[in-house]
Amino acid sequence: MSEMISTVTSKGQITIPAAVREYLGIKQGDKLSFIIEGEEGEVRVKRVRYRNVESLRGIAGSLPKPLSWEEMLEIAHEDRAQEIVDGE
């Protein structure tokens, strides 16, 4: 077990230590979930992974024009190919 300390700012914000970000695979823009457990003040943190399309509504903003299914598939394939090239 490893313990890392972070300070809360006046706005209630903290910096997540690099080791924690790496361990959880957290990148800029990711969402985190905080789960309060027990009565000892323990909180679990995990990266949110979306489970269904409905939970993604509005997350990416809007497009200037709607995309066809074929255009969406092409973009998805290009993104996946880039992930493979990047080793993700």
PDB file of N, CA and C in Angstrom:
ATOM      1  N   MET A   1       0.859  -1.181   0.000  1.00  0.00           N
ATOM      2  CA  MET A   1       0.000   0.000   0.000  1.00  0.00           C
ATOM      3  C   MET A   1       0.899   1.236   0.000  1.00  0.00           C
ATOM      4  N   SER A   2       0.473   2.236  -0.709  1.00  0.00           N
ATOM      5  CA  SER A   2       1.239   3.468  -0.824  1.00  0.00           C
ATOM      6  C   SER A   2       0.326   4.644  -0.486  1.00  0.00           C
ATOM      7  N   GLU A   3       0.837   5.586   0.276  1.00  0.00           N
ATOM      8  CA  GLU A   3       0.052   6.762   0.645  1.00  0.00           C
ATOM      9  C   GLU A   3       0.698   8.002   0.057  1.00  0.00           C
ATOM     10  N   MET A   4      -0.128   8.843  -0.561  1.00  0.00           N
ATOM     11  CA  MET A   4       0.329  10.114  -1.105  1.00  0.00           C
ATOM     12  C   MET A   4      -0.574  11.211  -0.568  1.00  0.00           C
ATOM     13  N   ILE A   5      -0.016  12.358  -0.273  1.00  0.00           N
ATOM     14  CA  ILE A   5      -0.770  13.459   0.316  1.00  0.00           C
ATOM     15  C   ILE A   5      -0.913  14.577  -0.712  1.00  0.00           C
ATOM     16  N   SER A   6      -2.097  15.156  -0.755  1.00  0.00           N
ATOM     17  CA  SER A   6      -2.377  16.283  -1.639  1.00  0.00           C
ATOM     18  C   SER A   6      -3.136  17.325  -0.837  1.00  0.00           C
ATOM     19  N   THR A   7      -2.917  18.596  -1.127  1.00  0.00           N
ATOM     20  CA  THR A   7      -3.537  19.693  -0.380  1.00  0.00           C
ATOM     21  C   THR A   7      -4.782  20.209  -1.100  1.00  0.00           C
ATOM     22  N   VAL A   8      -5.819  20.477  -0.341  1.00  0.00           N
ATOM     23  CA  VAL A   8      -7.060  21.025  -0.888  1.00  0.00           C
ATOM     24  C   VAL A   8      -6.912  22.544  -0.988  1.00  0.00           C
ATOM     25  N   THR A   9      -7.246  23.102  -2.162  1.00  0.00           N
ATOM     26  CA  THR A   9      -7.174  24.553  -2.352  1.00  0.00           C
ATOM     27  C   THR A   9      -8.416  25.227  -1.769  1.00  0.00           C
ATOM     28  N   SER A  10      -8.425  26.551  -1.785  1.00  0.00           N
ATOM     29  CA  SER A  10      -9.578  27.308  -1.275  1.00  0.00           C
ATOM     30  C   SER A  10     -10.836  27.035  -2.101  1.00  0.00           C
ATOM     31  N   LYS A  11     -10.667  26.553  -3.332  1.00  0.00           N
ATOM     32  CA  LYS A  11     -11.809  26.223  -4.199  1.00  0.00           C
ATOM     33  C   LYS A  11     -12.225  24.759  -4.067  1.00  0.00           C
ATOM     34  N   GLY A  12     -11.590  24.028  -3.142  1.00  0.00           N
ATOM     35  CA  GLY A  12     -11.945  22.626  -2.939  1.00  0.00           C
ATOM     36  C   GLY A  12     -11.306  21.695  -3.959  1.00  0.00           C
ATOM     37  N   GLN A  13     -10.277  22.143  -4.638  1.00  0.00           N
ATOM     38  CA  GLN A  13      -9.617  21.333  -5.666  1.00  0.00           C
ATOM     39  C   GLN A  13      -8.340  20.713  -5.115  1.00  0.00           C
ATOM     40  N   ILE A  14      -7.953  19.578  -5.697  1.00  0.00           N
ATOM     41  CA  ILE A  14      -6.684  18.953  -5.355  1.00  0.00           C
ATOM     42  C   ILE A  14      -5.973  18.561  -6.645  1.00  0.00           C
ATOM     43  N   THR A  15      -4.667  18.375  -6.542  1.00  0.00           N
ATOM     44  CA  THR A  15      -3.898  17.822  -7.647  1.00  0.00           C
ATOM     45  C   THR A  15      -3.764  16.333  -7.377  1.00  0.00           C
ATOM     46  N   ILE A  16      -4.135  15.522  -8.350  1.00  0.00           N
ATOM     47  CA  ILE A  16      -3.998  14.082  -8.202  1.00  0.00           C
ATOM     48  C   ILE A  16      -2.543  13.725  -8.502  1.00  0.00           C
ATOM     49  N   PRO A  17      -1.864  13.082  -7.566  1.00  0.00           N
ATOM     50  CA  PRO A  17      -0.458  12.744  -7.790  1.00  0.00           C
ATOM     51  C   PRO A  17      -0.253  11.941  -9.083  1.00  0.00           C
ATOM     52  N   ALA A  18       0.878  12.177  -9.737  1.00  0.00           N
ATOM     53  CA  ALA A  18       1.175  11.529 -11.022  1.00  0.00           C
ATOM     54  C   ALA A  18       1.080  10.009 -10.925  1.00  0.00           C
ATOM     55  N   ALA A  19       1.573   9.427  -9.839  1.00  0.00           N
ATOM     56  CA  ALA A  19       1.529   7.971  -9.690  1.00  0.00           C
ATOM     57  C   ALA A  19       0.095   7.451  -9.682  1.00  0.00           C
ATOM     58  N   VAL A  20      -0.817   8.206  -9.075  1.00  0.00           N
ATOM     59  CA  VAL A  20      -2.231   7.816  -9.040  1.00  0.00           C
ATOM     60  C   VAL A  20      -2.838   7.947 -10.436  1.00  0.00           C
ATOM     61  N   ARG A  21      -2.530   9.055 -11.130  1.00  0.00           N
ATOM     62  CA  ARG A  21      -3.048   9.240 -12.492  1.00  0.00           C
ATOM     63  C   ARG A  21      -2.575   8.109 -13.403  1.00  0.00           C
ATOM     64  N   GLU A  22      -1.319   7.755 -13.279  1.00  0.00           N
ATOM     65  CA  GLU A  22      -0.788   6.658 -14.105  1.00  0.00           C
ATOM     66  C   GLU A  22      -1.459   5.336 -13.760  1.00  0.00           C
ATOM     67  N   TYR A  23      -1.591   5.050 -12.467  1.00  0.00           N
ATOM     68  CA  TYR A  23      -2.201   3.804 -12.017  1.00  0.00           C
ATOM     69  C   TYR A  23      -3.635   3.653 -12.528  1.00  0.00           C
ATOM     70  N   LEU A  24      -4.403   4.745 -12.480  1.00  0.00           N
ATOM     71  CA  LEU A  24      -5.804   4.714 -12.918  1.00  0.00           C
ATOM     72  C   LEU A  24      -5.961   4.954 -14.413  1.00  0.00           C
ATOM     73  N   GLY A  25      -4.881   5.361 -15.082  1.00  0.00           N
ATOM     74  CA  GLY A  25      -4.976   5.664 -16.516  1.00  0.00           C
ATOM     75  C   GLY A  25      -5.750   6.939 -16.770  1.00  0.00           C
ATOM     76  N   ILE A  26      -5.643   7.897 -15.862  1.00  0.00           N
ATOM     77  CA  ILE A  26      -6.402   9.145 -15.964  1.00  0.00           C
ATOM     78  C   ILE A  26      -5.699  10.108 -16.913  1.00  0.00           C
ATOM     79  N   LYS A  27      -6.506  10.659 -17.831  1.00  0.00           N
ATOM     80  CA  LYS A  27      -6.002  11.676 -18.754  1.00  0.00           C
ATOM     81  C   LYS A  27      -6.880  12.920 -18.628  1.00  0.00           C
ATOM     82  N   GLN A  28      -6.406  14.019 -19.185  1.00  0.00           N
ATOM     83  CA  GLN A  28      -7.175  15.265 -19.146  1.00  0.00           C
ATOM     84  C   GLN A  28      -8.569  15.031 -19.709  1.00  0.00           C
ATOM     85  N   GLY A  29      -9.563  15.528 -19.010  1.00  0.00           N
ATOM     86  CA  GLY A  29     -10.952  15.411 -19.464  1.00  0.00           C
ATOM     87  C   GLY A  29     -11.668  14.167 -18.959  1.00  0.00           C
ATOM     88  N   ASP A  30     -10.935  13.201 -18.368  1.00  0.00           N
ATOM     89  CA  ASP A  30     -11.576  12.001 -17.839  1.00  0.00           C
ATOM     90  C   ASP A  30     -12.464  12.358 -16.657  1.00  0.00           C
ATOM     91  N   LYS A  31     -13.429  11.520 -16.401  1.00  0.00           N
ATOM     92  CA  LYS A  31     -14.328  11.684 -15.255  1.00  0.00           C
ATOM     93  C   LYS A  31     -13.899  10.706 -14.170  1.00  0.00           C
ATOM     94  N   LEU A  32     -14.033  11.129 -12.919  1.00  0.00           N
ATOM     95  CA  LEU A  32     -13.717  10.283 -11.779  1.00  0.00           C
ATOM     96  C   LEU A  32     -14.956  10.074 -10.933  1.00  0.00           C
ATOM     97  N   SER A  33     -15.024   8.922 -10.295  1.00  0.00           N
ATOM     98  CA  SER A  33     -16.106   8.601  -9.388  1.00  0.00           C
ATOM     99  C   SER A  33     -15.526   8.478  -7.985  1.00  0.00           C
ATOM    100  N   PHE A  34     -16.182   9.089  -7.000  1.00  0.00           N
ATOM    101  CA  PHE A  34     -15.761   9.015  -5.603  1.00  0.00           C
ATOM    102  C   PHE A  34     -16.810   8.208  -4.844  1.00  0.00           C
ATOM    103  N   ILE A  35     -16.379   7.114  -4.222  1.00  0.00           N
ATOM    104  CA  ILE A  35     -17.288   6.236  -3.499  1.00  0.00           C
ATOM    105  C   ILE A  35     -16.943   6.286  -2.015  1.00  0.00           C
ATOM    106  N   ILE A  36     -17.878   6.763  -1.198  1.00  0.00           N
ATOM    107  CA  ILE A  36     -17.669   6.835   0.246  1.00  0.00           C
ATOM    108  C   ILE A  36     -17.979   5.462   0.825  1.00  0.00           C
ATOM    109  N   GLU A  37     -17.008   4.908   1.562  1.00  0.00           N
ATOM    110  CA  GLU A  37     -17.158   3.569   2.125  1.00  0.00           C
ATOM    111  C   GLU A  37     -17.028   3.605   3.634  1.00  0.00           C
ATOM    112  N   GLY A  38     -17.906   2.913   4.294  1.00  0.00           N
ATOM    113  CA  GLY A  38     -17.806   2.768   5.741  1.00  0.00           C
ATOM    114  C   GLY A  38     -17.931   4.077   6.490  1.00  0.00           C
ATOM    115  N   GLU A  39     -17.610   4.009   7.760  1.00  0.00           N
ATOM    116  CA  GLU A  39     -17.727   5.180   8.617  1.00  0.00           C
ATOM    117  C   GLU A  39     -16.363   5.688   9.063  1.00  0.00           C
ATOM    118  N   GLU A  40     -15.301   5.169   8.479  1.00  0.00           N
ATOM    119  CA  GLU A  40     -13.943   5.542   8.860  1.00  0.00           C
ATOM    120  C   GLU A  40     -13.382   6.671   7.996  1.00  0.00           C
ATOM    121  N   GLY A  41     -14.217   7.270   7.147  1.00  0.00           N
ATOM    122  CA  GLY A  41     -13.747   8.348   6.292  1.00  0.00           C
ATOM    123  C   GLY A  41     -12.988   7.864   5.072  1.00  0.00           C
ATOM    124  N   GLU A  42     -13.211   6.617   4.680  1.00  0.00           N
ATOM    125  CA  GLU A  42     -12.532   6.072   3.511  1.00  0.00           C
ATOM    126  C   GLU A  42     -13.315   6.384   2.249  1.00  0.00           C
ATOM    127  N   VAL A  43     -12.581   6.784   1.218  1.00  0.00           N
ATOM    128  CA  VAL A  43     -13.192   7.096  -0.065  1.00  0.00           C
ATOM    129  C   VAL A  43     -12.396   6.382  -1.152  1.00  0.00           C
ATOM    130  N   ARG A  44     -13.087   5.690  -2.034  1.00  0.00           N
ATOM    131  CA  ARG A  44     -12.457   5.054  -3.183  1.00  0.00           C
ATOM    132  C   ARG A  44     -12.598   5.975  -4.377  1.00  0.00           C
ATOM    133  N   VAL A  45     -11.585   6.029  -5.221  1.00  0.00           N
ATOM    134  CA  VAL A  45     -11.631   6.827  -6.444  1.00  0.00           C
ATOM    135  C   VAL A  45     -11.413   5.888  -7.607  1.00  0.00           C
ATOM    136  N   LYS A  46     -12.256   6.021  -8.625  1.00  0.00           N
ATOM    137  CA  LYS A  46     -12.030   5.223  -9.820  1.00  0.00           C
ATOM    138  C   LYS A  46     -12.370   6.046 -11.056  1.00  0.00           C
ATOM    139  N   ARG A  47     -11.759   5.683 -12.139  1.00  0.00           N
ATOM    140  CA  ARG A  47     -12.030   6.341 -13.409  1.00  0.00           C
ATOM    141  C   ARG A  47     -13.363   5.837 -13.930  1.00  0.00           C
ATOM    142  N   VAL A  48     -14.199   6.739 -14.406  1.00  0.00           N
ATOM    143  CA  VAL A  48     -15.510   6.369 -14.931  1.00  0.00           C
ATOM    144  C   VAL A  48     -15.335   5.841 -16.342  1.00  0.00           C
ATOM    145  N   ARG A  49     -15.905   4.686 -16.568  1.00  0.00           N
ATOM    146  CA  ARG A  49     -15.947   4.118 -17.915  1.00  0.00           C
ATOM    147  C   ARG A  49     -17.418   3.992 -18.274  1.00  0.00           C
ATOM    148  N   TYR A  50     -17.812   4.632 -19.341  1.00  0.00           N
ATOM    149  CA  TYR A  50     -19.220   4.665 -19.713  1.00  0.00           C
ATOM    150  C   TYR A  50     -19.685   3.301 -20.185  1.00  0.00           C
ATOM    151  N   ARG A  51     -20.865   2.919 -19.729  1.00  0.00           N
ATOM    152  CA  ARG A  51     -21.378   1.592 -20.028  1.00  0.00           C
ATOM    153  C   ARG A  51     -22.441   1.576 -21.130  1.00  0.00           C
ATOM    154  N   ASN A  52     -23.033   2.731 -21.423  1.00  0.00           N
ATOM    155  CA  ASN A  52     -24.045   2.736 -22.467  1.00  0.00           C
ATOM    156  C   ASN A  52     -24.049   4.080 -23.178  1.00  0.00           C
ATOM    157  N   VAL A  53     -24.642   4.085 -24.331  1.00  0.00           N
ATOM    158  CA  VAL A  53     -24.648   5.282 -25.166  1.00  0.00           C
ATOM    159  C   VAL A  53     -25.407   6.418 -24.495  1.00  0.00           C
ATOM    160  N   GLU A  54     -26.483   6.129 -23.811  1.00  0.00           N
ATOM    161  CA  GLU A  54     -27.302   7.166 -23.182  1.00  0.00           C
ATOM    162  C   GLU A  54     -26.495   7.971 -22.170  1.00  0.00           C
ATOM    163  N   SER A  55     -25.547   7.313 -21.471  1.00  0.00           N
ATOM    164  CA  SER A  55     -24.753   8.030 -20.474  1.00  0.00           C
ATOM    165  C   SER A  55     -23.788   9.020 -21.113  1.00  0.00           C
ATOM    166  N   LEU A  56     -23.600   8.927 -22.411  1.00  0.00           N
ATOM    167  CA  LEU A  56     -22.685   9.816 -23.123  1.00  0.00           C
ATOM    168  C   LEU A  56     -23.371  11.042 -23.720  1.00  0.00           C
ATOM    169  N   ARG A  57     -24.695  11.125 -23.613  1.00  0.00           N
ATOM    170  CA  ARG A  57     -25.439  12.220 -24.228  1.00  0.00           C
ATOM    171  C   ARG A  57     -24.870  13.577 -23.818  1.00  0.00           C
ATOM    172  N   GLY A  58     -24.499  14.386 -24.823  1.00  0.00           N
ATOM    173  CA  GLY A  58     -24.045  15.744 -24.607  1.00  0.00           C
ATOM    174  C   GLY A  58     -22.591  15.888 -24.191  1.00  0.00           C
ATOM    175  N   ILE A  59     -21.894  14.786 -23.964  1.00  0.00           N
ATOM    176  CA  ILE A  59     -20.529  14.875 -23.446  1.00  0.00           C
ATOM    177  C   ILE A  59     -19.551  15.466 -24.457  1.00  0.00           C
ATOM    178  N   ALA A  60     -19.806  15.266 -25.732  1.00  0.00           N
ATOM    179  CA  ALA A  60     -18.855  15.721 -26.751  1.00  0.00           C
ATOM    180  C   ALA A  60     -19.250  17.057 -27.373  1.00  0.00           C
ATOM    181  N   GLY A  61     -20.296  17.667 -26.896  1.00  0.00           N
ATOM    182  CA  GLY A  61     -20.731  18.932 -27.486  1.00  0.00           C
ATOM    183  C   GLY A  61     -21.594  18.677 -28.712  1.00  0.00           C
ATOM    184  N   SER A  62     -21.557  19.597 -29.656  1.00  0.00           N
ATOM    185  CA  SER A  62     -22.389  19.441 -30.843  1.00  0.00           C
ATOM    186  C   SER A  62     -21.544  19.587 -32.102  1.00  0.00           C
ATOM    187  N   LEU A  63     -22.082  19.101 -33.188  1.00  0.00           N
ATOM    188  CA  LEU A  63     -21.413  19.176 -34.491  1.00  0.00           C
ATOM    189  C   LEU A  63     -22.085  20.236 -35.349  1.00  0.00           C
ATOM    190  N   PRO A  64     -21.322  20.808 -36.298  1.00  0.00           N
ATOM    191  CA  PRO A  64     -21.932  21.791 -37.186  1.00  0.00           C
ATOM    192  C   PRO A  64     -23.044  21.184 -38.056  1.00  0.00           C
ATOM    193  N   LYS A  65     -22.873  19.885 -38.404  1.00  0.00           N
ATOM    194  CA  LYS A  65     -23.914  19.178 -39.158  1.00  0.00           C
ATOM    195  C   LYS A  65     -23.933  17.728 -38.691  1.00  0.00           C
ATOM    196  N   PRO A  66     -25.079  17.066 -38.765  1.00  0.00           N
ATOM    197  CA  PRO A  66     -25.149  15.656 -38.364  1.00  0.00           C
ATOM    198  C   PRO A  66     -24.252  14.804 -39.267  1.00  0.00           C
ATOM    199  N   LEU A  67     -23.684  13.742 -38.692  1.00  0.00           N
ATOM    200  CA  LEU A  67     -22.867  12.812 -39.463  1.00  0.00           C
ATOM    201  C   LEU A  67     -23.695  11.584 -39.837  1.00  0.00           C
ATOM    202  N   SER A  68     -23.395  11.032 -40.995  1.00  0.00           N
ATOM    203  CA  SER A  68     -24.041   9.783 -41.397  1.00  0.00           C
ATOM    204  C   SER A  68     -23.408   8.639 -40.614  1.00  0.00           C
ATOM    205  N   TRP A  69     -24.077   7.500 -40.595  1.00  0.00           N
ATOM    206  CA  TRP A  69     -23.538   6.325 -39.921  1.00  0.00           C
ATOM    207  C   TRP A  69     -22.172   5.956 -40.503  1.00  0.00           C
ATOM    208  N   GLU A  70     -22.049   6.019 -41.819  1.00  0.00           N
ATOM    209  CA  GLU A  70     -20.788   5.693 -42.479  1.00  0.00           C
ATOM    210  C   GLU A  70     -19.665   6.646 -42.050  1.00  0.00           C
ATOM    211  N   GLU A  71     -19.974   7.935 -41.919  1.00  0.00           N
ATOM    212  CA  GLU A  71     -18.965   8.904 -41.475  1.00  0.00           C
ATOM    213  C   GLU A  71     -18.525   8.614 -40.035  1.00  0.00           C
ATOM    214  N   MET A  72     -19.486   8.261 -39.182  1.00  0.00           N
ATOM    215  CA  MET A  72     -19.153   7.938 -37.799  1.00  0.00           C
ATOM    216  C   MET A  72     -18.265   6.689 -37.720  1.00  0.00           C
ATOM    217  N   LEU A  73     -18.599   5.666 -38.511  1.00  0.00           N
ATOM    218  CA  LEU A  73     -17.791   4.450 -38.531  1.00  0.00           C
ATOM    219  C   LEU A  73     -16.370   4.737 -39.014  1.00  0.00           C
ATOM    220  N   GLU A  74     -16.244   5.559 -40.042  1.00  0.00           N
ATOM    221  CA  GLU A  74     -14.928   5.902 -40.572  1.00  0.00           C
ATOM    222  C   GLU A  74     -14.083   6.601 -39.500  1.00  0.00           C
ATOM    223  N   ILE A  75     -14.684   7.535 -38.791  1.00  0.00           N
ATOM    224  CA  ILE A  75     -13.968   8.240 -37.720  1.00  0.00           C
ATOM    225  C   ILE A  75     -13.575   7.270 -36.613  1.00  0.00           C
ATOM    226  N   ALA A  76     -14.487   6.381 -36.240  1.00  0.00           N
ATOM    227  CA  ALA A  76     -14.197   5.403 -35.184  1.00  0.00           C
ATOM    228  C   ALA A  76     -13.050   4.487 -35.596  1.00  0.00           C
ATOM    229  N   HIS A  77     -13.056   4.033 -36.838  1.00  0.00           N
ATOM    230  CA  HIS A  77     -11.979   3.165 -37.316  1.00  0.00           C
ATOM    231  C   HIS A  77     -10.646   3.908 -37.341  1.00  0.00           C
ATOM    232  N   GLU A  78     -10.659   5.159 -37.766  1.00  0.00           N
ATOM    233  CA  GLU A  78      -9.426   5.956 -37.782  1.00  0.00           C
ATOM    234  C   GLU A  78      -8.894   6.152 -36.355  1.00  0.00           C
ATOM    235  N   ASP A  79      -9.793   6.456 -35.424  1.00  0.00           N
ATOM    236  CA  ASP A  79      -9.381   6.642 -34.027  1.00  0.00           C
ATOM    237  C   ASP A  79      -8.797   5.350 -33.455  1.00  0.00           C
ATOM    238  N   ARG A  80      -9.445   4.217 -33.725  1.00  0.00           N
ATOM    239  CA  ARG A  80      -8.958   2.929 -33.211  1.00  0.00           C
ATOM    240  C   ARG A  80      -7.604   2.591 -33.820  1.00  0.00           C
ATOM    241  N   ALA A  81      -7.449   2.839 -35.122  1.00  0.00           N
ATOM    242  CA  ALA A  81      -6.168   2.580 -35.783  1.00  0.00           C
ATOM    243  C   ALA A  81      -5.064   3.425 -35.145  1.00  0.00           C
ATOM    244  N   GLN A  82      -5.372   4.665 -34.817  1.00  0.00           N
ATOM    245  CA  GLN A  82      -4.378   5.537 -34.184  1.00  0.00           C
ATOM    246  C   GLN A  82      -4.018   5.022 -32.796  1.00  0.00           C
ATOM    247  N   GLU A  83      -5.008   4.532 -32.049  1.00  0.00           N
ATOM    248  CA  GLU A  83      -4.741   3.950 -30.722  1.00  0.00           C
ATOM    249  C   GLU A  83      -3.791   2.774 -30.836  1.00  0.00           C
ATOM    250  N   ILE A  84      -3.997   1.936 -31.848  1.00  0.00           N
ATOM    251  CA  ILE A  84      -3.134   0.765 -32.055  1.00  0.00           C
ATOM    252  C   ILE A  84      -1.720   1.209 -32.386  1.00  0.00           C
ATOM    253  N   VAL A  85      -1.584   2.215 -33.248  1.00  0.00           N
ATOM    254  CA  VAL A  85      -0.273   2.734 -33.605  1.00  0.00           C
ATOM    255  C   VAL A  85       0.416   3.320 -32.385  1.00  0.00           C
ATOM    256  N   ASP A  86      -0.354   4.009 -31.514  1.00  0.00           N
ATOM    257  CA  ASP A  86       0.191   4.637 -30.312  1.00  0.00           C
ATOM    258  C   ASP A  86       0.449   3.631 -29.193  1.00  0.00           C
ATOM    259  N   GLY A  87      -0.033   2.395 -29.365  1.00  0.00           N
ATOM    260  CA  GLY A  87       0.181   1.363 -28.358  1.00  0.00           C
ATOM    261  C   GLY A  87      -0.752   1.430 -27.180  1.00  0.00           C
ATOM    262  N   GLU A  88      -1.912   1.996 -27.347  1.00  0.00           N
ATOM    263  CA  GLU A  88      -2.875   2.110 -26.237  1.00  0.00           C
ATOM    264  C   GLU A  88      -3.787   0.907 -26.193  1.00  0.00           C
TER     265      GLU A  88
END
